[in-house]
Amino acid sequence: MSRIIFCTFLQKNSEAQDYQSYPGELGKKIYNQISQEAWKKWMIQQTMLINEKKLNMYNINHRKIIEKEMKLFLFKES
């Protein structure tokens, strides 16, 4: 049976992610507060950002941009 959490993005109880999809403390926060549905919405947004801004995920500065955008998108924080 899947884990149910209160998703802070969707503001409702939803099916949790099966595993921590992002490393570190931010990853733990995402795992505990962001549902599968919300994470899928972020993945679509992330893909658009990477393509529009021509970001290279091998570049540490570009990864920092994506992390900042992810915090803003999922948690409304910078």
C-alpha atoms as a PDB file:
ATOM      1  CA  MET A   1       0.000   0.000   0.000  1.00  0.00           C
ATOM      2  CA  SER A   2       1.232   3.460  -0.848  1.00  0.00           C
ATOM      3  CA  ARG A   3       2.106   6.075   1.693  1.00  0.00           C
ATOM      4  CA  ILE A   4      -0.311   9.013   1.946  1.00  0.00           C
ATOM      5  CA  ILE A   5       0.970  12.466   2.894  1.00  0.00           C
ATOM      6  CA  PHE A   6      -0.440  15.961   3.064  1.00  0.00           C
ATOM      7  CA  CYS A   7       1.061  17.538  -0.056  1.00  0.00           C
ATOM      8  CA  THR A   8       1.983  21.150   0.664  1.00  0.00           C
ATOM      9  CA  PHE A   9       1.960  21.941  -3.062  1.00  0.00           C
ATOM     10  CA  LEU A  10      -1.525  20.574  -3.778  1.00  0.00           C
ATOM     11  CA  GLN A  11      -2.843  21.338  -0.284  1.00  0.00           C
ATOM     12  CA  LYS A  12      -4.485  17.925   0.029  1.00  0.00           C
ATOM     13  CA  ASN A  13      -3.741  14.343   1.043  1.00  0.00           C
ATOM     14  CA  SER A  14      -2.087  12.541  -1.840  1.00  0.00           C
ATOM     15  CA  GLU A  15      -0.001   9.521  -2.682  1.00  0.00           C
ATOM     16  CA  ALA A  16       3.603  10.037  -1.567  1.00  0.00           C
ATOM     17  CA  GLN A  17       6.659   9.370  -3.650  1.00  0.00           C
ATOM     18  CA  ASP A  18       8.069   5.839  -3.463  1.00  0.00           C
ATOM     19  CA  TYR A  19      11.626   7.001  -2.768  1.00  0.00           C
ATOM     20  CA  GLN A  20      13.613  10.165  -2.104  1.00  0.00           C
ATOM     21  CA  SER A  21      14.088  11.591  -5.605  1.00  0.00           C
ATOM     22  CA  TYR A  22      16.437  14.442  -4.643  1.00  0.00           C
ATOM     23  CA  PRO A  23      19.497  14.315  -2.355  1.00  0.00           C
ATOM     24  CA  GLY A  24      20.141  15.964   0.995  1.00  0.00           C
ATOM     25  CA  GLU A  25      17.876  17.821   3.393  1.00  0.00           C
ATOM     26  CA  LEU A  26      15.882  19.347   0.544  1.00  0.00           C
ATOM     27  CA  GLY A  27      15.304  15.827  -0.774  1.00  0.00           C
ATOM     28  CA  LYS A  28      13.968  14.720   2.609  1.00  0.00           C
ATOM     29  CA  LYS A  29      11.618  17.711   2.680  1.00  0.00           C
ATOM     30  CA  ILE A  30      10.394  16.893  -0.835  1.00  0.00           C
ATOM     31  CA  TYR A  31       9.935  13.219   0.078  1.00  0.00           C
ATOM     32  CA  ASN A  32       7.871  14.083   3.149  1.00  0.00           C
ATOM     33  CA  GLN A  33       5.824  16.999   1.785  1.00  0.00           C
ATOM     34  CA  ILE A  34       5.498  16.633  -2.005  1.00  0.00           C
ATOM     35  CA  SER A  35       3.248  14.030  -3.618  1.00  0.00           C
ATOM     36  CA  GLN A  36       3.872  12.017  -6.761  1.00  0.00           C
ATOM     37  CA  GLU A  37       1.412  14.210  -8.646  1.00  0.00           C
ATOM     38  CA  ALA A  38       3.131  17.434  -7.571  1.00  0.00           C
ATOM     39  CA  TRP A  39       6.567  15.998  -8.369  1.00  0.00           C
ATOM     40  CA  LYS A  40       5.380  15.134 -11.891  1.00  0.00           C
ATOM     41  CA  LYS A  41       4.209  18.738 -12.320  1.00  0.00           C
ATOM     42  CA  TRP A  42       7.663  19.907 -11.233  1.00  0.00           C
ATOM     43  CA  MET A  43       9.375  17.542 -13.695  1.00  0.00           C
ATOM     44  CA  ILE A  44       7.375  19.081 -16.554  1.00  0.00           C
ATOM     45  CA  GLN A  45       8.273  22.586 -15.353  1.00  0.00           C
ATOM     46  CA  GLN A  46      11.931  21.598 -14.933  1.00  0.00           C
ATOM     47  CA  THR A  47      12.109  20.262 -18.483  1.00  0.00           C
ATOM     48  CA  MET A  48      10.649  23.503 -19.830  1.00  0.00           C
ATOM     49  CA  LEU A  49      13.174  25.566 -17.831  1.00  0.00           C
ATOM     50  CA  ILE A  50      16.120  23.479 -19.003  1.00  0.00           C
ATOM     51  CA  ASN A  51      15.039  23.809 -22.619  1.00  0.00           C
ATOM     52  CA  GLU A  52      14.068  27.494 -22.536  1.00  0.00           C
ATOM     53  CA  LYS A  53      17.168  28.632 -20.653  1.00  0.00           C
ATOM     54  CA  LYS A  54      19.434  26.122 -22.414  1.00  0.00           C
ATOM     55  CA  LEU A  55      20.717  24.808 -19.100  1.00  0.00           C
ATOM     56  CA  ASN A  56      23.361  22.109 -18.861  1.00  0.00           C
ATOM     57  CA  MET A  57      22.917  19.865 -15.835  1.00  0.00           C
ATOM     58  CA  TYR A  58      26.677  19.150 -15.795  1.00  0.00           C
ATOM     59  CA  ASN A  59      27.220  22.828 -14.939  1.00  0.00           C
ATOM     60  CA  ILE A  60      27.044  23.443 -11.162  1.00  0.00           C
ATOM     61  CA  ASN A  61      25.716  26.984 -11.666  1.00  0.00           C
ATOM     62  CA  HIS A  62      22.909  25.704 -13.875  1.00  0.00           C
ATOM     63  CA  ARG A  63      22.006  23.083 -11.255  1.00  0.00           C
ATOM     64  CA  LYS A  64      21.820  25.844  -8.655  1.00  0.00           C
ATOM     65  CA  ILE A  65      19.403  27.727 -10.916  1.00  0.00           C
ATOM     66  CA  ILE A  66      17.196  24.640 -11.210  1.00  0.00           C
ATOM     67  CA  GLU A  67      17.289  24.053  -7.433  1.00  0.00           C
ATOM     68  CA  LYS A  68      16.277  27.660  -6.786  1.00  0.00           C
ATOM     69  CA  GLU A  69      13.420  27.356  -9.299  1.00  0.00           C
ATOM     70  CA  MET A  70      12.364  24.048  -7.720  1.00  0.00           C
ATOM     71  CA  LYS A  71      12.138  25.600  -4.234  1.00  0.00           C
ATOM     72  CA  LEU A  72      10.136  28.481  -5.643  1.00  0.00           C
ATOM     73  CA  PHE A  73       7.806  26.156  -7.589  1.00  0.00           C
ATOM     74  CA  LEU A  74       7.212  23.549  -4.883  1.00  0.00           C
ATOM     75  CA  PHE A  75       7.454  25.578  -1.686  1.00  0.00           C
ATOM     76  CA  LYS A  76       7.095  29.225  -2.793  1.00  0.00           C
ATOM     77  CA  GLU A  77      10.523  29.949  -1.297  1.00  0.00           C
ATOM     78  CA  SER A  78      13.771  31.106  -2.860  1.00  0.00           C
END
